[in-house]
C-alpha cells in the first residue's frame, strides 16, 4: 500500500513537527509510557503490576470492540490509523482476515519501533503529517483516530480531510478521546495545563486541544459506545465514547 503526500499546507511545518516530537517523547518518558520491544509485542496485555495496567485494560476493551466490529463487515477492508504511535493497535487490526492496514505518525522514534516490531505483510507504517492533506488517490474503508484527535487543532478540518480519504460508505472511528460542553471545556483545559506543568512539560499544552461535542454536529455521526448508559456504567469497561462518522 503506497501512500504519498500531495500537499504541504498542514498546521505543523517541519520545525514545529520536530518541536512537538521532542516535547511528546519527553512527556512519554516522564509518564513511563515508553515500552520495550518485548512489552510492545504483547500490548494491550501488560503486567498487572505495571502502573498503567488499568489504562491498558480500558484500551484492550476498546480495541477488542473495534476489531469485533470490523470483523462483522465480512469483507476486505483498507484501514488507516492516524497517529498510530508505536503501532500496537494497527498491528491488532492487521490480524483481521482480508484487511490491509496503514499506520501514520510524525513521531519517528515510536514509528521506527513499530516498523521493527510488527512485520506483517498486510501492515505498513509511514512517517506522515495527515494535516498536510489526503494522500494521493489512496482511499480507505476505515480511518481510525485512537487517542490522537486531540493533537489536531481543528476538529472540523481534520475530519473533513479524513472524509476526503474515505471510500464510498467508508467510516471514521474516534476512540479514547474526551469531548466537552461549553460549560466544561475551560476547566478541562486548566486541568490539562496543570498536568503538563506538574510533569515539567508545560509547552505540551500548545499541542493538545480540547474539542466540543457541538463540533461534531457538522458531520453525520453515531455513538457506538456510550459510557453513561446504565449497563456500561455498571461494567465500567471504558470511560470514553466511541464515535463513528460515515462518509
C-alpha atoms as a PDB file:
ATOM      1  CA  UNK A   1       0.000   0.000   0.000  1.00  0.00           C
ATOM      2  CA  UNK A   2       1.786   3.108  -1.198  1.00  0.00           C
ATOM      3  CA  UNK A   3       0.952   6.477   0.324  1.00  0.00           C
ATOM      4  CA  UNK A   4       2.423   9.746  -0.885  1.00  0.00           C
ATOM      5  CA  UNK A   5       1.535  13.190   0.417  1.00  0.00           C
ATOM      6  CA  UNK A   6       0.382  15.576  -2.307  1.00  0.00           C
ATOM      7  CA  UNK A   7       0.126  18.830  -0.347  1.00  0.00           C
ATOM      8  CA  UNK A   8       2.122  20.669   2.302  1.00  0.00           C
ATOM      9  CA  UNK A   9      -0.463  23.025   3.745  1.00  0.00           C
ATOM     10  CA  UNK A  10      -0.685  21.471   7.205  1.00  0.00           C
ATOM     11  CA  UNK A  11      -0.586  23.293  10.517  1.00  0.00           C
ATOM     12  CA  UNK A  12       2.626  21.531  11.563  1.00  0.00           C
ATOM     13  CA  UNK A  13       5.633  22.555   9.483  1.00  0.00           C
ATOM     14  CA  UNK A  14       8.966  20.740   9.724  1.00  0.00           C
ATOM     15  CA  UNK A  15      10.223  22.912  12.573  1.00  0.00           C
ATOM     16  CA  UNK A  16       7.088  22.607  14.699  1.00  0.00           C
ATOM     17  CA  UNK A  17       6.867  18.877  13.977  1.00  0.00           C
ATOM     18  CA  UNK A  18      10.317  18.371  15.468  1.00  0.00           C
ATOM     19  CA  UNK A  19       9.360  20.557  18.436  1.00  0.00           C
ATOM     20  CA  UNK A  20       6.208  18.530  19.030  1.00  0.00           C
ATOM     21  CA  UNK A  21       8.034  15.215  18.772  1.00  0.00           C
ATOM     22  CA  UNK A  22      10.680  16.328  21.269  1.00  0.00           C
ATOM     23  CA  UNK A  23       8.059  17.511  23.754  1.00  0.00           C
ATOM     24  CA  UNK A  24       5.856  14.456  23.222  1.00  0.00           C
ATOM     25  CA  UNK A  25       8.680  11.953  23.747  1.00  0.00           C
ATOM     26  CA  UNK A  26       9.779  13.803  26.878  1.00  0.00           C
ATOM     27  CA  UNK A  27       6.211  13.554  28.176  1.00  0.00           C
ATOM     28  CA  UNK A  28       6.017   9.831  27.319  1.00  0.00           C
ATOM     29  CA  UNK A  29       9.256   9.196  29.199  1.00  0.00           C
ATOM     30  CA  UNK A  30       8.064  11.050  32.289  1.00  0.00           C
ATOM     31  CA  UNK A  31       4.720   9.249  32.203  1.00  0.00           C
ATOM     32  CA  UNK A  32       6.586   5.926  31.850  1.00  0.00           C
ATOM     33  CA  UNK A  33       4.755   5.167  28.606  1.00  0.00           C
ATOM     34  CA  UNK A  34       7.823   4.157  26.620  1.00  0.00           C
ATOM     35  CA  UNK A  35       7.793   0.383  26.166  1.00  0.00           C
ATOM     36  CA  UNK A  36      10.450  -2.155  25.296  1.00  0.00           C
ATOM     37  CA  UNK A  37      10.082  -4.217  22.121  1.00  0.00           C
ATOM     38  CA  UNK A  38       9.116  -7.228  24.211  1.00  0.00           C
ATOM     39  CA  UNK A  39       6.410  -5.270  26.021  1.00  0.00           C
ATOM     40  CA  UNK A  40       5.138  -3.827  22.757  1.00  0.00           C
ATOM     41  CA  UNK A  41       4.616  -7.232  21.167  1.00  0.00           C
ATOM     42  CA  UNK A  42       2.187  -8.096  23.987  1.00  0.00           C
ATOM     43  CA  UNK A  43       0.172  -4.866  24.127  1.00  0.00           C
ATOM     44  CA  UNK A  44      -2.589  -4.275  25.085  1.00  0.00           C
ATOM     45  CA  UNK A  45      -1.752  -7.080  27.536  1.00  0.00           C
ATOM     46  CA  UNK A  46       0.614  -5.876  30.226  1.00  0.00           C
ATOM     47  CA  UNK A  47       1.851  -6.947  33.639  1.00  0.00           C
ATOM     48  CA  UNK A  48      -0.870  -6.322  36.258  1.00  0.00           C
ATOM     49  CA  UNK A  49       1.766  -4.643  38.408  1.00  0.00           C
ATOM     50  CA  UNK A  50       2.511  -2.042  35.727  1.00  0.00           C
ATOM     51  CA  UNK A  51       1.436   1.465  36.739  1.00  0.00           C
ATOM     52  CA  UNK A  52      -0.729   1.823  33.629  1.00  0.00           C
ATOM     53  CA  UNK A  53      -2.364  -1.609  33.887  1.00  0.00           C
ATOM     54  CA  UNK A  54      -5.876  -0.192  34.438  1.00  0.00           C
ATOM     55  CA  UNK A  55      -5.470   2.114  31.450  1.00  0.00           C
ATOM     56  CA  UNK A  56      -4.430  -0.811  29.249  1.00  0.00           C
ATOM     57  CA  UNK A  57      -7.471  -2.788  30.395  1.00  0.00           C
ATOM     58  CA  UNK A  58      -9.590   0.048  29.018  1.00  0.00           C
ATOM     59  CA  UNK A  59      -7.603   0.131  25.790  1.00  0.00           C
ATOM     60  CA  UNK A  60      -7.903  -3.636  25.399  1.00  0.00           C
ATOM     61  CA  UNK A  61     -11.663  -3.449  25.794  1.00  0.00           C
ATOM     62  CA  UNK A  62     -11.951  -0.681  23.193  1.00  0.00           C
ATOM     63  CA  UNK A  63      -9.600  -2.472  20.790  1.00  0.00           C
ATOM     64  CA  UNK A  64     -11.469  -5.760  21.139  1.00  0.00           C
ATOM     65  CA  UNK A  65     -14.763  -3.985  20.467  1.00  0.00           C
ATOM     66  CA  UNK A  66     -13.346  -2.268  17.386  1.00  0.00           C
ATOM     67  CA  UNK A  67     -11.833  -5.471  15.977  1.00  0.00           C
ATOM     68  CA  UNK A  68     -15.097  -7.358  16.546  1.00  0.00           C
ATOM     69  CA  UNK A  69     -16.992  -4.568  14.777  1.00  0.00           C
ATOM     70  CA  UNK A  70     -14.636  -4.642  11.801  1.00  0.00           C
ATOM     71  CA  UNK A  71     -14.791  -8.431  11.645  1.00  0.00           C
ATOM     72  CA  UNK A  72     -18.562  -8.165  11.245  1.00  0.00           C
ATOM     73  CA  UNK A  73     -18.057  -6.263   8.000  1.00  0.00           C
ATOM     74  CA  UNK A  74     -17.302  -9.664   6.415  1.00  0.00           C
ATOM     75  CA  UNK A  75     -15.358  -8.114   3.560  1.00  0.00           C
ATOM     76  CA  UNK A  76     -11.818  -6.950   2.730  1.00  0.00           C
ATOM     77  CA  UNK A  77     -11.026  -3.588   4.290  1.00  0.00           C
ATOM     78  CA  UNK A  78      -8.359  -0.961   3.799  1.00  0.00           C
ATOM     79  CA  UNK A  79      -7.679   0.694   7.150  1.00  0.00           C
ATOM     80  CA  UNK A  80      -5.716   3.815   8.076  1.00  0.00           C
ATOM     81  CA  UNK A  81      -4.785   4.649  11.665  1.00  0.00           C
ATOM     82  CA  UNK A  82      -3.840   8.300  12.104  1.00  0.00           C
ATOM     83  CA  UNK A  83      -1.440   8.929  14.966  1.00  0.00           C
ATOM     84  CA  UNK A  84      -0.560   5.254  15.341  1.00  0.00           C
ATOM     85  CA  UNK A  85       2.382   5.828  17.699  1.00  0.00           C
ATOM     86  CA  UNK A  86       4.174   2.569  18.406  1.00  0.00           C
ATOM     87  CA  UNK A  87       1.704   0.691  16.213  1.00  0.00           C
ATOM     88  CA  UNK A  88       0.128  -1.711  18.685  1.00  0.00           C
ATOM     89  CA  UNK A  89      -3.484  -1.030  17.602  1.00  0.00           C
ATOM     90  CA  UNK A  90      -2.646  -1.056  13.891  1.00  0.00           C
ATOM     91  CA  UNK A  91      -0.982  -4.442  14.412  1.00  0.00           C
ATOM     92  CA  UNK A  92      -4.040  -5.745  16.237  1.00  0.00           C
ATOM     93  CA  UNK A  93      -6.338  -4.637  13.407  1.00  0.00           C
ATOM     94  CA  UNK A  94      -3.979  -6.256  10.885  1.00  0.00           C
ATOM     95  CA  UNK A  95      -4.854  -9.647  12.409  1.00  0.00           C
ATOM     96  CA  UNK A  96      -8.320  -9.401  10.831  1.00  0.00           C
ATOM     97  CA  UNK A  97      -8.672 -11.602   7.757  1.00  0.00           C
ATOM     98  CA  UNK A  98      -8.596  -9.774   4.435  1.00  0.00           C
ATOM     99  CA  UNK A  99      -7.524  -6.339   5.671  1.00  0.00           C
ATOM    100  CA  UNK A 100      -4.670  -4.038   4.750  1.00  0.00           C
ATOM    101  CA  UNK A 101      -3.616  -1.590   7.431  1.00  0.00           C
ATOM    102  CA  UNK A 102      -1.514   1.571   7.222  1.00  0.00           C
ATOM    103  CA  UNK A 103      -0.389   3.467  10.298  1.00  0.00           C
ATOM    104  CA  UNK A 104       0.901   7.031  10.071  1.00  0.00           C
ATOM    105  CA  UNK A 105       2.531   9.300  12.623  1.00  0.00           C
ATOM    106  CA  UNK A 106       5.003  12.195  12.857  1.00  0.00           C
ATOM    107  CA  UNK A 107       6.802  10.552  15.786  1.00  0.00           C
ATOM    108  CA  UNK A 108       9.900   8.995  14.222  1.00  0.00           C
ATOM    109  CA  UNK A 109      11.099   7.180  17.358  1.00  0.00           C
ATOM    110  CA  UNK A 110       7.889   5.245  18.035  1.00  0.00           C
ATOM    111  CA  UNK A 111       7.275   4.727  14.323  1.00  0.00           C
ATOM    112  CA  UNK A 112      10.728   3.214  13.904  1.00  0.00           C
ATOM    113  CA  UNK A 113       9.952   0.844  16.775  1.00  0.00           C
ATOM    114  CA  UNK A 114       6.622  -0.086  15.185  1.00  0.00           C
ATOM    115  CA  UNK A 115       8.357  -0.955  11.920  1.00  0.00           C
ATOM    116  CA  UNK A 116      10.932  -3.036  13.780  1.00  0.00           C
ATOM    117  CA  UNK A 117       8.483  -4.959  15.960  1.00  0.00           C
ATOM    118  CA  UNK A 118       5.482  -5.504  13.687  1.00  0.00           C
ATOM    119  CA  UNK A 119       6.403  -7.115  10.380  1.00  0.00           C
ATOM    120  CA  UNK A 120       3.166  -8.300   8.821  1.00  0.00           C
ATOM    121  CA  UNK A 121       2.660  -8.359   5.073  1.00  0.00           C
ATOM    122  CA  UNK A 122      -0.652  -6.526   5.347  1.00  0.00           C
ATOM    123  CA  UNK A 123       0.690  -3.814   7.668  1.00  0.00           C
ATOM    124  CA  UNK A 124       2.785  -0.756   6.783  1.00  0.00           C
ATOM    125  CA  UNK A 125       3.883   2.325   8.697  1.00  0.00           C
ATOM    126  CA  UNK A 126       4.562   5.749   7.228  1.00  0.00           C
ATOM    127  CA  UNK A 127       6.116   8.939   8.539  1.00  0.00           C
ATOM    128  CA  UNK A 128       3.487  11.485   7.505  1.00  0.00           C
ATOM    129  CA  UNK A 129       1.604  14.551   8.691  1.00  0.00           C
ATOM    130  CA  UNK A 130      -2.054  13.919   7.890  1.00  0.00           C
ATOM    131  CA  UNK A 131      -2.877  17.623   8.121  1.00  0.00           C
ATOM    132  CA  UNK A 132      -0.785  18.175   5.010  1.00  0.00           C
ATOM    133  CA  UNK A 133      -3.749  16.784   3.108  1.00  0.00           C
ATOM    134  CA  UNK A 134      -5.085  13.452   1.927  1.00  0.00           C
ATOM    135  CA  UNK A 135      -2.559  11.115   0.380  1.00  0.00           C
ATOM    136  CA  UNK A 136      -2.666  10.988  -3.391  1.00  0.00           C
ATOM    137  CA  UNK A 137      -5.560   8.962  -4.735  1.00  0.00           C
ATOM    138  CA  UNK A 138      -5.390   6.415  -1.915  1.00  0.00           C
ATOM    139  CA  UNK A 139      -8.772   5.820  -0.305  1.00  0.00           C
ATOM    140  CA  UNK A 140      -9.662   3.832   2.788  1.00  0.00           C
ATOM    141  CA  UNK A 141     -12.722   1.999   4.060  1.00  0.00           C
ATOM    142  CA  UNK A 142     -11.891   2.737   7.695  1.00  0.00           C
ATOM    143  CA  UNK A 143      -9.932   5.604   9.277  1.00  0.00           C
ATOM    144  CA  UNK A 144      -9.155   5.363  12.997  1.00  0.00           C
ATOM    145  CA  UNK A 145      -8.185   8.070  15.473  1.00  0.00           C
ATOM    146  CA  UNK A 146      -7.342   6.341  18.771  1.00  0.00           C
ATOM    147  CA  UNK A 147      -6.268   8.823  21.455  1.00  0.00           C
ATOM    148  CA  UNK A 148      -4.898  11.061  18.713  1.00  0.00           C
ATOM    149  CA  UNK A 149      -7.527  13.521  17.517  1.00  0.00           C
ATOM    150  CA  UNK A 150      -6.801  15.805  20.480  1.00  0.00           C
ATOM    151  CA  UNK A 151      -3.472  16.640  18.839  1.00  0.00           C
ATOM    152  CA  UNK A 152      -5.258  18.320  15.921  1.00  0.00           C
ATOM    153  CA  UNK A 153      -6.255  21.917  16.490  1.00  0.00           C
ATOM    154  CA  UNK A 154      -9.331  21.998  14.262  1.00  0.00           C
ATOM    155  CA  UNK A 155     -11.712  19.060  14.563  1.00  0.00           C
ATOM    156  CA  UNK A 156     -13.690  20.262  11.561  1.00  0.00           C
ATOM    157  CA  UNK A 157     -10.590  20.488   9.384  1.00  0.00           C
ATOM    158  CA  UNK A 158      -9.164  17.094  10.294  1.00  0.00           C
ATOM    159  CA  UNK A 159     -12.489  15.265   9.924  1.00  0.00           C
ATOM    160  CA  UNK A 160     -13.164  16.990   6.601  1.00  0.00           C
ATOM    161  CA  UNK A 161      -9.700  15.974   5.382  1.00  0.00           C
ATOM    162  CA  UNK A 162     -10.218  12.408   6.596  1.00  0.00           C
ATOM    163  CA  UNK A 163     -13.579  12.168   4.824  1.00  0.00           C
ATOM    164  CA  UNK A 164     -11.828  13.070   1.574  1.00  0.00           C
ATOM    165  CA  UNK A 165      -9.733   9.933   2.030  1.00  0.00           C
ATOM    166  CA  UNK A 166     -12.708   7.606   2.533  1.00  0.00           C
ATOM    167  CA  UNK A 167     -14.119   5.181   0.021  1.00  0.00           C
ATOM    168  CA  UNK A 168     -17.859   5.229  -0.577  1.00  0.00           C
ATOM    169  CA  UNK A 169     -19.615   4.035   2.588  1.00  0.00           C
ATOM    170  CA  UNK A 170     -16.357   4.472   4.485  1.00  0.00           C
ATOM    171  CA  UNK A 171     -16.184   5.234   8.196  1.00  0.00           C
ATOM    172  CA  UNK A 172     -14.112   7.311  10.608  1.00  0.00           C
ATOM    173  CA  UNK A 173     -13.785   5.943  14.138  1.00  0.00           C
ATOM    174  CA  UNK A 174     -12.783   8.106  17.107  1.00  0.00           C
ATOM    175  CA  UNK A 175     -11.674   6.257  20.237  1.00  0.00           C
ATOM    176  CA  UNK A 176     -10.168   7.151  23.626  1.00  0.00           C
ATOM    177  CA  UNK A 177     -10.892  10.871  23.317  1.00  0.00           C
ATOM    178  CA  UNK A 178     -12.891  13.187  25.551  1.00  0.00           C
ATOM    179  CA  UNK A 179     -15.349  15.717  24.176  1.00  0.00           C
ATOM    180  CA  UNK A 180     -16.681  18.645  26.151  1.00  0.00           C
ATOM    181  CA  UNK A 181     -19.552  21.077  26.532  1.00  0.00           C
ATOM    182  CA  UNK A 182     -19.063  24.872  26.637  1.00  0.00           C
ATOM    183  CA  UNK A 183     -19.571  24.642  30.405  1.00  0.00           C
ATOM    184  CA  UNK A 184     -16.824  22.070  30.968  1.00  0.00           C
ATOM    185  CA  UNK A 185     -14.154  22.847  28.384  1.00  0.00           C
ATOM    186  CA  UNK A 186     -12.309  25.628  30.248  1.00  0.00           C
ATOM    187  CA  UNK A 187     -11.892  23.524  33.385  1.00  0.00           C
ATOM    188  CA  UNK A 188     -10.608  20.680  31.206  1.00  0.00           C
ATOM    189  CA  UNK A 189      -8.037  22.979  29.625  1.00  0.00           C
ATOM    190  CA  UNK A 190      -6.891  24.161  33.051  1.00  0.00           C
ATOM    191  CA  UNK A 191      -6.563  20.581  34.323  1.00  0.00           C
ATOM    192  CA  UNK A 192      -4.526  19.599  31.267  1.00  0.00           C
ATOM    193  CA  UNK A 193      -2.230  22.616  31.569  1.00  0.00           C
ATOM    194  CA  UNK A 194      -1.726  21.872  35.269  1.00  0.00           C
ATOM    195  CA  UNK A 195      -0.921  18.234  34.500  1.00  0.00           C
ATOM    196  CA  UNK A 196       1.697  19.150  31.907  1.00  0.00           C
ATOM    197  CA  UNK A 197       3.192  21.746  34.236  1.00  0.00           C
ATOM    198  CA  UNK A 198       3.440  19.205  37.077  1.00  0.00           C
ATOM    199  CA  UNK A 199       5.445  16.911  34.798  1.00  0.00           C
ATOM    200  CA  UNK A 200       7.697  19.732  33.626  1.00  0.00           C
ATOM    201  CA  UNK A 201       6.197  19.597  30.113  1.00  0.00           C
ATOM    202  CA  UNK A 202       4.403  22.949  30.158  1.00  0.00           C
ATOM    203  CA  UNK A 203       4.779  23.618  26.422  1.00  0.00           C
ATOM    204  CA  UNK A 204       2.778  20.477  25.543  1.00  0.00           C
ATOM    205  CA  UNK A 205      -0.381  22.481  26.219  1.00  0.00           C
ATOM    206  CA  UNK A 206       0.272  24.266  22.900  1.00  0.00           C
ATOM    207  CA  UNK A 207      -0.134  20.970  21.029  1.00  0.00           C
ATOM    208  CA  UNK A 208      -3.045  19.428  22.940  1.00  0.00           C
ATOM    209  CA  UNK A 209      -6.568  20.545  22.017  1.00  0.00           C
ATOM    210  CA  UNK A 210      -9.972  20.091  23.628  1.00  0.00           C
ATOM    211  CA  UNK A 211     -12.936  19.623  21.287  1.00  0.00           C
ATOM    212  CA  UNK A 212     -16.597  20.349  21.828  1.00  0.00           C
ATOM    213  CA  UNK A 213     -19.435  17.925  21.244  1.00  0.00           C
ATOM    214  CA  UNK A 214     -21.070  20.602  19.128  1.00  0.00           C
ATOM    215  CA  UNK A 215     -18.059  20.488  16.778  1.00  0.00           C
ATOM    216  CA  UNK A 216     -19.279  17.049  15.690  1.00  0.00           C
ATOM    217  CA  UNK A 217     -22.687  18.338  14.637  1.00  0.00           C
ATOM    218  CA  UNK A 218     -21.430  19.246  11.176  1.00  0.00           C
ATOM    219  CA  UNK A 219     -20.921  15.536  10.483  1.00  0.00           C
ATOM    220  CA  UNK A 220     -23.147  12.501  10.270  1.00  0.00           C
ATOM    221  CA  UNK A 221     -22.002  10.701  13.389  1.00  0.00           C
ATOM    222  CA  UNK A 222     -23.219   7.873  15.569  1.00  0.00           C
ATOM    223  CA  UNK A 223     -22.233   6.870  19.087  1.00  0.00           C
ATOM    224  CA  UNK A 224     -21.311   3.179  19.073  1.00  0.00           C
ATOM    225  CA  UNK A 225     -20.370   3.068  22.745  1.00  0.00           C
ATOM    226  CA  UNK A 226     -21.816   5.357  25.399  1.00  0.00           C
ATOM    227  CA  UNK A 227     -20.125   5.069  28.815  1.00  0.00           C
ATOM    228  CA  UNK A 228     -23.055   6.804  30.557  1.00  0.00           C
ATOM    229  CA  UNK A 229     -25.579   4.083  29.699  1.00  0.00           C
ATOM    230  CA  UNK A 230     -26.671   2.107  32.731  1.00  0.00           C
ATOM    231  CA  UNK A 231     -25.203  -1.252  31.714  1.00  0.00           C
ATOM    232  CA  UNK A 232     -21.903   0.317  30.645  1.00  0.00           C
ATOM    233  CA  UNK A 233     -21.670   2.266  33.885  1.00  0.00           C
ATOM    234  CA  UNK A 234     -22.134  -0.967  35.843  1.00  0.00           C
ATOM    235  CA  UNK A 235     -19.385  -2.730  33.896  1.00  0.00           C
ATOM    236  CA  UNK A 236     -17.173   0.376  33.917  1.00  0.00           C
ATOM    237  CA  UNK A 237     -15.324  -1.016  30.882  1.00  0.00           C
ATOM    238  CA  UNK A 238     -14.353   2.322  29.387  1.00  0.00           C
ATOM    239  CA  UNK A 239     -14.939   5.994  30.262  1.00  0.00           C
ATOM    240  CA  UNK A 240     -14.683   7.048  26.603  1.00  0.00           C
ATOM    241  CA  UNK A 241     -17.316   7.390  23.896  1.00  0.00           C
ATOM    242  CA  UNK A 242     -16.776   5.515  20.637  1.00  0.00           C
ATOM    243  CA  UNK A 243     -17.818   7.728  17.741  1.00  0.00           C
ATOM    244  CA  UNK A 244     -18.354   6.723  14.142  1.00  0.00           C
ATOM    245  CA  UNK A 245     -18.624   9.220  11.295  1.00  0.00           C
ATOM    246  CA  UNK A 246     -19.757   7.875   7.932  1.00  0.00           C
ATOM    247  CA  UNK A 247     -18.920   9.250   4.512  1.00  0.00           C
END
